[in-house]
C-alpha atoms as a PDB file:
ATOM      1  CA  MET A   1       0.000   0.000   0.000  1.00  0.00           C
ATOM      2  CA  ASN A   2       3.034   2.290   0.413  1.00  0.00           C
ATOM      3  CA  ARG A   3       4.022   1.924  -3.235  1.00  0.00           C
ATOM      4  CA  PRO A   4       3.559   5.192  -5.186  1.00  0.00           C
ATOM      5  CA  ILE A   5       0.689   5.034  -7.652  1.00  0.00           C
ATOM      6  CA  LEU A   6       2.498   7.235 -10.169  1.00  0.00           C
ATOM      7  CA  ARG A   7       6.194   7.792 -10.721  1.00  0.00           C
ATOM      8  CA  LEU A   8       8.252   9.476 -13.419  1.00  0.00           C
ATOM      9  CA  LYS A   9      11.953   8.648 -13.595  1.00  0.00           C
ATOM     10  CA  ASN A  10      14.633  10.741 -15.281  1.00  0.00           C
ATOM     11  CA  ILE A  11      12.371  12.215 -17.951  1.00  0.00           C
ATOM     12  CA  ASP A  12      14.006  14.248 -20.734  1.00  0.00           C
ATOM     13  CA  GLN A  13      12.186  15.931 -23.573  1.00  0.00           C
ATOM     14  CA  TYR A  14      13.164  18.289 -26.375  1.00  0.00           C
ATOM     15  CA  LEU A  15      11.272  20.774 -28.496  1.00  0.00           C
ATOM     16  CA  GLY A  16      13.453  21.007 -31.569  1.00  0.00           C
ATOM     17  CA  LYS A  17      16.895  21.531 -30.075  1.00  0.00           C
ATOM     18  CA  ARG A  18      15.575  23.087 -26.880  1.00  0.00           C
ATOM     19  CA  HIS A  19      15.745  20.939 -23.751  1.00  0.00           C
ATOM     20  CA  VAL A  20      12.270  21.539 -22.286  1.00  0.00           C
ATOM     21  CA  ILE A  21      12.227  18.778 -19.631  1.00  0.00           C
ATOM     22  CA  SER A  22      15.518  17.894 -17.973  1.00  0.00           C
ATOM     23  CA  ASP A  23      16.085  14.710 -15.922  1.00  0.00           C
ATOM     24  CA  LEU A  24      12.751  15.129 -14.141  1.00  0.00           C
ATOM     25  CA  SER A  25      11.607  12.587 -11.560  1.00  0.00           C
ATOM     26  CA  ILE A  26       8.431  12.847  -9.499  1.00  0.00           C
ATOM     27  CA  THR A  27       6.736  10.485  -7.069  1.00  0.00           C
ATOM     28  CA  VAL A  28       2.989  10.687  -6.407  1.00  0.00           C
ATOM     29  CA  PRO A  29       1.659   8.759  -3.393  1.00  0.00           C
ATOM     30  CA  ARG A  30      -1.701   7.035  -3.546  1.00  0.00           C
ATOM     31  CA  GLY A  31      -4.765   8.981  -2.427  1.00  0.00           C
ATOM     32  CA  GLN A  32      -3.101  12.366  -2.081  1.00  0.00           C
ATOM     33  CA  VAL A  33      -3.268  15.711  -3.872  1.00  0.00           C
ATOM     34  CA  TYR A  34       0.038  16.467  -5.571  1.00  0.00           C
ATOM     35  CA  GLY A  35       0.449  20.148  -6.392  1.00  0.00           C
ATOM     36  CA  PHE A  36       2.582  20.707  -9.479  1.00  0.00           C
ATOM     37  CA  LEU A  37       3.649  24.329  -9.186  1.00  0.00           C
ATOM     38  CA  GLY A  38       5.505  26.406 -11.752  1.00  0.00           C
ATOM     39  CA  ARG A  39       5.421  29.467 -13.915  1.00  0.00           C
ATOM     40  CA  ASN A  40       3.584  29.492 -17.232  1.00  0.00           C
ATOM     41  CA  GLY A  41       5.829  27.689 -19.696  1.00  0.00           C
ATOM     42  CA  ALA A  42       7.755  25.824 -16.992  1.00  0.00           C
ATOM     43  CA  GLY A  43       6.844  22.439 -18.508  1.00  0.00           C
ATOM     44  CA  LYS A  44       3.831  21.377 -16.410  1.00  0.00           C
ATOM     45  CA  THR A  45       1.534  20.603 -19.347  1.00  0.00           C
ATOM     46  CA  THR A  46       4.301  18.772 -21.216  1.00  0.00           C
ATOM     47  CA  VAL A  47       4.833  16.498 -18.209  1.00  0.00           C
ATOM     48  CA  MET A  48       1.108  15.720 -18.005  1.00  0.00           C
ATOM     49  CA  LYS A  49       0.993  14.905 -21.709  1.00  0.00           C
ATOM     50  CA  ILE A  50       3.933  12.536 -21.216  1.00  0.00           C
ATOM     51  CA  ILE A  51       2.030  10.768 -18.413  1.00  0.00           C
ATOM     52  CA  LEU A  52      -0.956  10.364 -20.740  1.00  0.00           C
ATOM     53  CA  GLY A  53       1.163   9.005 -23.588  1.00  0.00           C
ATOM     54  CA  LEU A  54       0.349  12.004 -25.800  1.00  0.00           C
ATOM     55  CA  ILE A  55       4.064  12.794 -25.986  1.00  0.00           C
ATOM     56  CA  THR A  56       6.837  10.220 -25.996  1.00  0.00           C
ATOM     57  CA  PRO A  57       9.788  11.418 -23.920  1.00  0.00           C
ATOM     58  CA  ALA A  58      13.305  11.360 -25.335  1.00  0.00           C
ATOM     59  CA  SER A  59      14.351   9.296 -22.316  1.00  0.00           C
ATOM     60  CA  GLY A  60      13.064   8.176 -18.946  1.00  0.00           C
ATOM     61  CA  THR A  61      10.154   6.053 -17.791  1.00  0.00           C
ATOM     62  CA  VAL A  62       6.599   6.427 -16.515  1.00  0.00           C
ATOM     63  CA  GLU A  63       5.416   3.937 -13.909  1.00  0.00           C
ATOM     64  CA  VAL A  64       1.825   3.335 -12.833  1.00  0.00           C
ATOM     65  CA  ASP A  65       1.500   1.264  -9.661  1.00  0.00           C
ATOM     66  CA  GLY A  66       5.089   0.088  -9.987  1.00  0.00           C
ATOM     67  CA  THR A  67       4.796  -1.041 -13.615  1.00  0.00           C
ATOM     68  CA  ALA A  68       6.673   0.816 -16.342  1.00  0.00           C
ATOM     69  CA  VAL A  69       4.490   1.735 -19.309  1.00  0.00           C
ATOM     70  CA  GLY A  70       5.786   2.035 -22.849  1.00  0.00           C
ATOM     71  CA  PRO A  71       4.755   4.338 -25.697  1.00  0.00           C
ATOM     72  CA  THR A  72       2.419   1.709 -27.191  1.00  0.00           C
ATOM     73  CA  ASP A  73       0.946   0.529 -23.891  1.00  0.00           C
ATOM     74  CA  THR A  74      -2.502   2.091 -23.514  1.00  0.00           C
ATOM     75  CA  ARG A  75      -4.019  -0.306 -20.981  1.00  0.00           C
ATOM     76  CA  TYR A  76      -3.032   1.869 -18.036  1.00  0.00           C
ATOM     77  CA  LEU A  77      -4.895   4.876 -19.442  1.00  0.00           C
ATOM     78  CA  SER A  78      -8.221   3.532 -18.165  1.00  0.00           C
ATOM     79  CA  ARG A  79      -6.884   4.261 -14.674  1.00  0.00           C
ATOM     80  CA  ILE A  80      -6.244   7.928 -15.449  1.00  0.00           C
ATOM     81  CA  GLY A  81      -8.751  10.705 -16.040  1.00  0.00           C
ATOM     82  CA  SER A  82      -7.559  14.066 -17.275  1.00  0.00           C
ATOM     83  CA  LEU A  83      -8.452  17.671 -17.918  1.00  0.00           C
ATOM     84  CA  ILE A  84      -5.570  19.136 -19.917  1.00  0.00           C
ATOM     85  CA  GLU A  85      -5.441  22.817 -20.915  1.00  0.00           C
ATOM     86  CA  GLU A  86      -9.214  23.178 -21.423  1.00  0.00           C
ATOM     87  CA  PRO A  87     -12.323  20.953 -21.347  1.00  0.00           C
ATOM     88  CA  SER A  88     -12.955  18.913 -24.486  1.00  0.00           C
ATOM     89  CA  PHE A  89     -16.584  18.127 -25.283  1.00  0.00           C
ATOM     90  CA  TYR A  90     -19.206  18.362 -28.004  1.00  0.00           C
ATOM     91  CA  PRO A  91     -20.951  21.749 -27.610  1.00  0.00           C
ATOM     92  CA  ASN A  92     -24.100  20.641 -29.441  1.00  0.00           C
ATOM     93  CA  LEU A  93     -24.644  17.715 -27.082  1.00  0.00           C
ATOM     94  CA  THR A  94     -26.064  18.114 -23.587  1.00  0.00           C
ATOM     95  CA  GLY A  95     -23.900  17.540 -20.542  1.00  0.00           C
ATOM     96  CA  ALA A  96     -25.495  14.122 -20.022  1.00  0.00           C
ATOM     97  CA  GLU A  97     -25.087  13.171 -23.699  1.00  0.00           C
ATOM     98  CA  ASN A  98     -21.395  14.082 -23.596  1.00  0.00           C
ATOM     99  CA  ILE A  99     -20.840  11.737 -20.680  1.00  0.00           C
ATOM    100  CA  ARG A 100     -22.877   8.922 -22.238  1.00  0.00           C
ATOM    101  CA  TYR A 101     -20.937   9.256 -25.500  1.00  0.00           C
ATOM    102  CA  LEU A 102     -17.540   9.122 -23.792  1.00  0.00           C
ATOM    103  CA  SER A 103     -18.725   6.170 -21.705  1.00  0.00           C
ATOM    104  CA  ARG A 104     -19.568   4.249 -24.903  1.00  0.00           C
ATOM    105  CA  VAL A 105     -16.183   5.102 -26.432  1.00  0.00           C
ATOM    106  CA  ARG A 106     -14.400   3.839 -23.318  1.00  0.00           C
ATOM    107  CA  GLY A 107     -16.649   0.819 -22.947  1.00  0.00           C
ATOM    108  CA  THR A 108     -17.801   1.729 -19.458  1.00  0.00           C
ATOM    109  CA  LYS A 109     -21.234   1.839 -17.868  1.00  0.00           C
ATOM    110  CA  PRO A 110     -22.891   5.241 -18.370  1.00  0.00           C
ATOM    111  CA  ALA A 111     -23.183   7.172 -15.118  1.00  0.00           C
ATOM    112  CA  ASP A 112     -24.115  10.586 -16.461  1.00  0.00           C
ATOM    113  CA  ARG A 113     -26.557  11.570 -13.718  1.00  0.00           C
ATOM    114  CA  GLU A 114     -24.215  10.424 -10.967  1.00  0.00           C
ATOM    115  CA  LEU A 115     -21.188  12.219 -12.397  1.00  0.00           C
ATOM    116  CA  LEU A 116     -23.076  15.422 -13.121  1.00  0.00           C
ATOM    117  CA  GLY A 117     -24.388  15.300  -9.569  1.00  0.00           C
ATOM    118  CA  LEU A 118     -20.841  14.984  -8.221  1.00  0.00           C
ATOM    119  CA  VAL A 119     -19.786  18.193  -9.964  1.00  0.00           C
ATOM    120  CA  GLY A 120     -23.001  20.104  -9.235  1.00  0.00           C
ATOM    121  CA  LEU A 121     -24.473  20.051 -12.737  1.00  0.00           C
ATOM    122  CA  SER A 122     -27.582  17.914 -12.152  1.00  0.00           C
ATOM    123  CA  ALA A 123     -29.883  20.829 -12.905  1.00  0.00           C
ATOM    124  CA  HIS A 124     -28.134  21.394 -16.234  1.00  0.00           C
ATOM    125  CA  ALA A 125     -27.849  17.782 -17.406  1.00  0.00           C
ATOM    126  CA  ASP A 126     -30.156  18.316 -20.400  1.00  0.00           C
ATOM    127  CA  ARG A 127     -28.751  21.683 -21.438  1.00  0.00           C
ATOM    128  CA  ARG A 128     -26.371  21.935 -24.392  1.00  0.00           C
ATOM    129  CA  ALA A 129     -22.797  22.082 -23.159  1.00  0.00           C
ATOM    130  CA  GLY A 130     -21.996  24.950 -25.504  1.00  0.00           C
ATOM    131  CA  GLN A 131     -24.411  27.090 -23.481  1.00  0.00           C
ATOM    132  CA  TYR A 132     -22.599  26.410 -20.192  1.00  0.00           C
ATOM    133  CA  SER A 133     -20.730  29.169 -18.384  1.00  0.00           C
ATOM    134  CA  LEU A 134     -16.943  28.883 -18.114  1.00  0.00           C
ATOM    135  CA  GLY A 135     -17.172  27.448 -14.626  1.00  0.00           C
ATOM    136  CA  MET A 136     -19.796  24.916 -15.703  1.00  0.00           C
ATOM    137  CA  LYS A 137     -17.606  23.867 -18.620  1.00  0.00           C
ATOM    138  CA  GLN A 138     -14.719  23.263 -16.227  1.00  0.00           C
ATOM    139  CA  ARG A 139     -16.960  21.146 -14.011  1.00  0.00           C
ATOM    140  CA  LEU A 140     -18.206  19.186 -17.041  1.00  0.00           C
ATOM    141  CA  GLY A 141     -14.576  18.605 -18.006  1.00  0.00           C
ATOM    142  CA  ILE A 142     -13.913  17.172 -14.557  1.00  0.00           C
ATOM    143  CA  ALA A 143     -17.028  14.975 -14.813  1.00  0.00           C
ATOM    144  CA  LEU A 144     -15.751  13.649 -18.151  1.00  0.00           C
ATOM    145  CA  ALA A 145     -12.374  12.953 -16.521  1.00  0.00           C
ATOM    146  CA  LEU A 146     -14.209  10.790 -13.973  1.00  0.00           C
ATOM    147  CA  VAL A 147     -15.802   8.535 -16.617  1.00  0.00           C
ATOM    148  CA  GLY A 148     -14.779   4.958 -15.875  1.00  0.00           C
ATOM    149  CA  ASP A 149     -13.967   5.736 -12.219  1.00  0.00           C
ATOM    150  CA  PRO A 150     -10.192   6.256 -12.692  1.00  0.00           C
ATOM    151  CA  ASP A 151      -7.739   6.005  -9.796  1.00  0.00           C
ATOM    152  CA  ILE A 152      -5.764   9.081 -10.877  1.00  0.00           C
ATOM    153  CA  LEU A 153      -6.929  12.519 -11.990  1.00  0.00           C
ATOM    154  CA  LEU A 154      -4.614  14.868 -13.890  1.00  0.00           C
ATOM    155  CA  LEU A 155      -5.963  18.423 -13.757  1.00  0.00           C
ATOM    156  CA  ASP A 156      -3.968  21.002 -15.684  1.00  0.00           C
ATOM    157  CA  GLU A 157      -4.695  24.555 -14.465  1.00  0.00           C
ATOM    158  CA  PRO A 158      -8.325  23.614 -13.625  1.00  0.00           C
ATOM    159  CA  THR A 159      -9.187  27.089 -12.266  1.00  0.00           C
ATOM    160  CA  ASN A 160      -7.814  29.085 -15.212  1.00  0.00           C
ATOM    161  CA  GLY A 161     -10.068  32.015 -16.082  1.00  0.00           C
ATOM    162  CA  LEU A 162     -12.552  31.418 -13.276  1.00  0.00           C
ATOM    163  CA  ASP A 163     -13.849  34.041 -10.885  1.00  0.00           C
ATOM    164  CA  PRO A 164     -13.222  33.606  -7.130  1.00  0.00           C
ATOM    165  CA  GLU A 165     -16.479  31.717  -6.637  1.00  0.00           C
ATOM    166  CA  GLY A 166     -15.648  29.336  -9.495  1.00  0.00           C
ATOM    167  CA  ILE A 167     -12.166  28.779  -8.085  1.00  0.00           C
ATOM    168  CA  ARG A 168     -13.636  27.934  -4.692  1.00  0.00           C
ATOM    169  CA  GLU A 169     -16.078  25.450  -6.250  1.00  0.00           C
ATOM    170  CA  ILE A 170     -13.332  23.620  -8.167  1.00  0.00           C
ATOM    171  CA  ARG A 171     -11.122  23.558  -5.073  1.00  0.00           C
ATOM    172  CA  GLU A 172     -13.922  22.003  -3.015  1.00  0.00           C
ATOM    173  CA  LEU A 173     -14.521  19.388  -5.717  1.00  0.00           C
ATOM    174  CA  ILE A 174     -10.852  18.383  -5.746  1.00  0.00           C
ATOM    175  CA  GLN A 175     -10.756  18.120  -1.959  1.00  0.00           C
ATOM    176  CA  ARG A 176     -13.910  16.011  -1.985  1.00  0.00           C
ATOM    177  CA  PHE A 177     -12.575  13.619  -4.625  1.00  0.00           C
ATOM    178  CA  SER A 178      -9.404  13.115  -2.597  1.00  0.00           C
ATOM    179  CA  ARG A 179     -10.844  12.872   0.907  1.00  0.00           C
ATOM    180  CA  GLU A 180     -14.145  11.131   0.261  1.00  0.00           C
ATOM    181  CA  MET A 181     -13.431   9.095  -2.878  1.00  0.00           C
ATOM    182  CA  GLY A 182      -9.761   8.280  -2.352  1.00  0.00           C
ATOM    183  CA  LYS A 183      -8.662   9.616  -5.729  1.00  0.00           C
ATOM    184  CA  THR A 184      -5.044  10.464  -6.389  1.00  0.00           C
ATOM    185  CA  ILE A 185      -4.991  13.927  -7.950  1.00  0.00           C
ATOM    186  CA  VAL A 186      -2.187  15.783  -9.691  1.00  0.00           C
ATOM    187  CA  VAL A 187      -3.060  19.477 -10.000  1.00  0.00           C
ATOM    188  CA  SER A 188      -0.832  21.780 -11.994  1.00  0.00           C
ATOM    189  CA  SER A 189      -1.074  25.484 -11.337  1.00  0.00           C
ATOM    190  CA  HIS A 190       0.752  28.789 -11.367  1.00  0.00           C
ATOM    191  CA  ILE A 191      -1.529  30.040  -8.580  1.00  0.00           C
ATOM    192  CA  LEU A 192       0.409  29.870  -5.333  1.00  0.00           C
ATOM    193  CA  SER A 193      -2.633  30.198  -3.093  1.00  0.00           C
ATOM    194  CA  GLU A 194      -4.433  27.307  -4.806  1.00  0.00           C
ATOM    195  CA  ILE A 195      -1.527  24.925  -4.290  1.00  0.00           C
ATOM    196  CA  GLU A 196      -1.174  26.169  -0.720  1.00  0.00           C
ATOM    197  CA  GLN A 197      -4.811  25.349   0.065  1.00  0.00           C
ATOM    198  CA  LEU A 198      -5.081  22.100  -1.903  1.00  0.00           C
ATOM    199  CA  ALA A 199      -1.892  20.103  -1.919  1.00  0.00           C
ATOM    200  CA  ASP A 200      -0.627  17.392   0.413  1.00  0.00           C
ATOM    201  CA  LEU A 201       2.657  17.369  -1.493  1.00  0.00           C
ATOM    202  CA  VAL A 202       4.239  19.954  -3.750  1.00  0.00           C
ATOM    203  CA  GLY A 203       6.526  19.600  -6.751  1.00  0.00           C
ATOM    204  CA  ILE A 204       8.110  22.811  -8.051  1.00  0.00           C
ATOM    205  CA  ILE A 205       9.120  22.748 -11.713  1.00  0.00           C
ATOM    206  CA  HIS A 206      11.297  25.534 -13.096  1.00  0.00           C
ATOM    207  CA  HIS A 207      12.703  25.679 -16.636  1.00  0.00           C
ATOM    208  CA  GLY A 208      11.832  21.998 -17.078  1.00  0.00           C
ATOM    209  CA  SER A 209      13.626  20.748 -13.956  1.00  0.00           C
ATOM    210  CA  LEU A 210      12.204  19.691 -10.623  1.00  0.00           C
ATOM    211  CA  HIS A 211      13.569  22.005  -7.927  1.00  0.00           C
ATOM    212  CA  TYR A 212      11.591  20.703  -4.944  1.00  0.00           C
ATOM    213  CA  GLU A 213       9.366  17.788  -4.028  1.00  0.00           C
ATOM    214  CA  GLY A 214       7.914  17.296  -0.588  1.00  0.00           C
ATOM    215  CA  SER A 215       5.443  18.605   1.946  1.00  0.00           C
ATOM    216  CA  LEU A 216       4.332  22.201   2.206  1.00  0.00           C
ATOM    217  CA  GLU A 217       5.705  22.243   5.739  1.00  0.00           C
ATOM    218  CA  GLY A 218       9.096  21.177   4.473  1.00  0.00           C
ATOM    219  CA  LEU A 219       8.976  23.893   1.829  1.00  0.00           C
ATOM    220  CA  VAL A 220       7.936  26.873   3.938  1.00  0.00           C
ATOM    221  CA  GLY A 221       9.728  25.726   7.102  1.00  0.00           C
ATOM    222  CA  THR A 222       8.679  25.865  10.712  1.00  0.00           C
ATOM    223  CA  ARG A 223       7.391  28.915  12.544  1.00  0.00           C
ATOM    224  CA  SER A 224       9.880  31.152  14.312  1.00  0.00           C
ATOM    225  CA  LEU A 225       9.845  33.920  16.894  1.00  0.00           C
ATOM    226  CA  VAL A 226      11.206  37.082  15.299  1.00  0.00           C
ATOM    227  CA  ILE A 227      12.652  39.848  17.481  1.00  0.00           C
ATOM    228  CA  ASP A 228      13.424  43.232  15.960  1.00  0.00           C
ATOM    229  CA  PRO A 229      16.089  44.783  18.255  1.00  0.00           C
ATOM    230  CA  VAL A 230      17.120  48.424  18.268  1.00  0.00           C
ATOM    231  CA  TYR A 231      20.720  47.343  18.878  1.00  0.00           C
ATOM    232  CA  PRO A 232      21.258  43.977  17.114  1.00  0.00           C
ATOM    233  CA  ASP A 233      24.802  43.348  18.386  1.00  0.00           C
ATOM    234  CA  ALA A 234      23.755  44.001  21.974  1.00  0.00           C
ATOM    235  CA  ALA A 235      20.778  41.692  21.525  1.00  0.00           C
ATOM    236  CA  ALA A 236      23.029  38.944  20.177  1.00  0.00           C
ATOM    237  CA  ARG A 237      25.350  39.275  23.183  1.00  0.00           C
ATOM    238  CA  SER A 238      22.419  39.138  25.578  1.00  0.00           C
ATOM    239  CA  LEU A 239      20.969  36.001  23.999  1.00  0.00           C
ATOM    240  CA  ASN A 240      24.378  34.322  24.057  1.00  0.00           C
ATOM    241  CA  GLN A 241      24.728  35.131  27.757  1.00  0.00           C
ATOM    242  CA  HIS A 242      21.328  33.558  28.409  1.00  0.00           C
ATOM    243  CA  ALA A 243      22.244  30.528  26.256  1.00  0.00           C
ATOM    244  CA  VAL A 244      19.294  31.130  23.916  1.00  0.00           C
ATOM    245  CA  PRO A 245      19.932  29.773  20.385  1.00  0.00           C
ATOM    246  CA  PHE A 246      19.130  32.217  17.575  1.00  0.00           C
ATOM    247  CA  GLU A 247      19.909  33.182  14.005  1.00  0.00           C
ATOM    248  CA  MET A 248      20.454  36.720  12.804  1.00  0.00           C
ATOM    249  CA  GLY A 249      19.154  37.486   9.340  1.00  0.00           C
ATOM    250  CA  ARG A 250      20.474  39.986   6.870  1.00  0.00           C
ATOM    251  CA  ASP A 251      17.729  42.298   8.101  1.00  0.00           C
ATOM    252  CA  ALA A 252      19.418  42.261  11.549  1.00  0.00           C
ATOM    253  CA  LYS A 253      16.346  40.598  13.065  1.00  0.00           C
ATOM    254  CA  LEU A 254      16.760  37.660  15.416  1.00  0.00           C
ATOM    255  CA  ARG A 255      14.953  34.406  14.743  1.00  0.00           C
ATOM    256  CA  LEU A 256      14.398  31.944  17.552  1.00  0.00           C
ATOM    257  CA  ALA A 257      12.416  28.777  18.151  1.00  0.00           C
ATOM    258  CA  PRO A 258       8.783  29.643  18.953  1.00  0.00           C
ATOM    259  CA  ARG A 259       7.721  29.662  22.593  1.00  0.00           C
ATOM    260  CA  ASP A 260       4.516  30.343  24.542  1.00  0.00           C
ATOM    261  CA  ARG A 261       3.341  33.801  25.577  1.00  0.00           C
ATOM    262  CA  GLU A 262       4.827  33.673  29.087  1.00  0.00           C
ATOM    263  CA  ALA A 263       8.222  32.494  27.873  1.00  0.00           C
ATOM    264  CA  THR A 264       8.238  35.156  25.158  1.00  0.00           C
ATOM    265  CA  ALA A 265       7.405  37.875  27.679  1.00  0.00           C
ATOM    266  CA  SER A 266      10.185  36.672  30.003  1.00  0.00           C
ATOM    267  CA  LEU A 267      12.685  36.718  27.153  1.00  0.00           C
ATOM    268  CA  VAL A 268      11.752  40.269  26.163  1.00  0.00           C
ATOM    269  CA  ASP A 269      12.020  41.351  29.819  1.00  0.00           C
ATOM    270  CA  ALA A 270      15.526  39.862  29.986  1.00  0.00           C
ATOM    271  CA  LEU A 271      16.596  41.710  26.838  1.00  0.00           C
ATOM    272  CA  VAL A 272      15.236  44.991  28.152  1.00  0.00           C
ATOM    273  CA  ALA A 273      16.965  44.418  31.513  1.00  0.00           C
ATOM    274  CA  ASP A 274      20.243  44.001  29.608  1.00  0.00           C
ATOM    275  CA  GLY A 275      19.705  47.374  27.954  1.00  0.00           C
ATOM    276  CA  VAL A 276      18.506  46.003  24.625  1.00  0.00           C
ATOM    277  CA  GLY A 277      15.706  47.998  23.038  1.00  0.00           C
ATOM    278  CA  VAL A 278      13.046  45.784  21.430  1.00  0.00           C
ATOM    279  CA  ALA A 279      11.210  47.457  18.542  1.00  0.00           C
ATOM    280  CA  GLY A 280       8.922  44.534  17.790  1.00  0.00           C
ATOM    281  CA  VAL A 281       8.175  40.847  18.350  1.00  0.00           C
ATOM    282  CA  LYS A 282       6.173  38.518  16.099  1.00  0.00           C
ATOM    283  CA  VAL A 283       5.737  34.892  15.161  1.00  0.00           C
ATOM    284  CA  ASP A 284       6.664  34.426  11.530  1.00  0.00           C
ATOM    285  CA  GLN A 285       6.762  31.748   8.868  1.00  0.00           C
ATOM    286  CA  CYS A 286       8.158  31.766   5.367  1.00  0.00           C
ATOM    287  CA  THR A 287       5.393  32.306   2.805  1.00  0.00           C
ATOM    288  CA  LEU A 288       4.955  30.006  -0.173  1.00  0.00           C
ATOM    289  CA  GLU A 289       5.951  32.898  -2.423  1.00  0.00           C
ATOM    290  CA  GLU A 290       9.203  33.411  -0.502  1.00  0.00           C
ATOM    291  CA  ALA A 291       9.875  29.671  -0.565  1.00  0.00           C
ATOM    292  CA  PHE A 292       9.263  29.501  -4.315  1.00  0.00           C
ATOM    293  CA  LEU A 293      11.741  32.318  -4.933  1.00  0.00           C
ATOM    294  CA  ALA A 294      14.326  30.691  -2.679  1.00  0.00           C
ATOM    295  CA  VAL A 295      13.972  27.286  -4.357  1.00  0.00           C
ATOM    296  CA  THR A 296      14.112  28.615  -7.916  1.00  0.00           C
ATOM    297  CA  GLY A 297      16.627  31.389  -7.331  1.00  0.00           C
ATOM    298  CA  GLU A 298      14.326  33.901  -8.990  1.00  0.00           C
ATOM    299  CA  ALA A 299      13.901  37.507  -7.892  1.00  0.00           C
ATOM    300  CA  THR A 300      10.182  37.931  -8.554  1.00  0.00           C
ATOM    301  CA  THR A 301       6.955  35.985  -8.993  1.00  0.00           C
ATOM    302  CA  ASP A 302       5.562  38.323 -11.628  1.00  0.00           C
ATOM    303  CA  ASP A 303       3.610  35.678 -13.547  1.00  0.00           C
ATOM    304  CA  LEU A 304       2.518  33.771 -10.466  1.00  0.00           C
ATOM    305  CA  ILE A 305      -0.555  34.650  -8.429  1.00  0.00           C
ATOM    306  CA  GLY A 306       0.591  35.175  -4.862  1.00  0.00           C
ATOM    307  CA  ALA A 307      -0.154  33.089  -1.839  1.00  0.00           C
ATOM    308  CA  ARG A 308      -2.459  34.164   0.929  1.00  0.00           C
ATOM    309  CA  GLY A 309      -0.969  36.643   3.370  1.00  0.00           C
END
């Protein structure tokens, strides 16, 4: 049961002479939401197309449930549902007819009413899909990805173009599929706040290479007590005398292990008694935006939508 359900090993891919995916390996545990985070053009969609067999990598392997799949092996695809780039459906068919048609193509039992109910489209089952709003089209795309009850869902930028209410609805759907239905979900996004709220694990892709894979906690780090002293050198001497471990940042602020309110108050009292002026005290944690910049070595997140404050 501990075996990853999806694994990519040492994937390389070229676009002409340009190396677009470089020695990329990812591991997706069963039943979790894997957040694939990166700028537009970082290679997220290319990786998803490789998983689906739409692109054959120059080198490397894709494994599903521990079994390597080749370029001509399509049997594993019944275990994967996908929404890549934008929903694909027949606009002149109703939502229910689209699902029934895809079910026939895949040779699975039609479950149009059930699937439309899962994504909140029951009231619009008999309406032509071309008349759906953007958010409804996204939800129909997710319903189509669920045809055949796949184990894995690949959702490429599923909230693109949606308003805040539509984003919230898609986020709640993804959480429900993971927590209540046990689906393994890979969500690619350039929206920091979405990955922050959704993902159990995060993979950061930058210029086609994986720069981080692990938990959000491991990425943003633990909380710290931050003291802003008027006289940093004097504060450092005082803390050393009291045998209190700390780090001094380039901003001359002191970062210590978090402690409760009483212990914090006692520490500030000790600093003041030693003649150290304390301009401010707060509990701080690295934001996802700061962590992304640190991992990628970039200076800005101009084309990323920032994380919650």
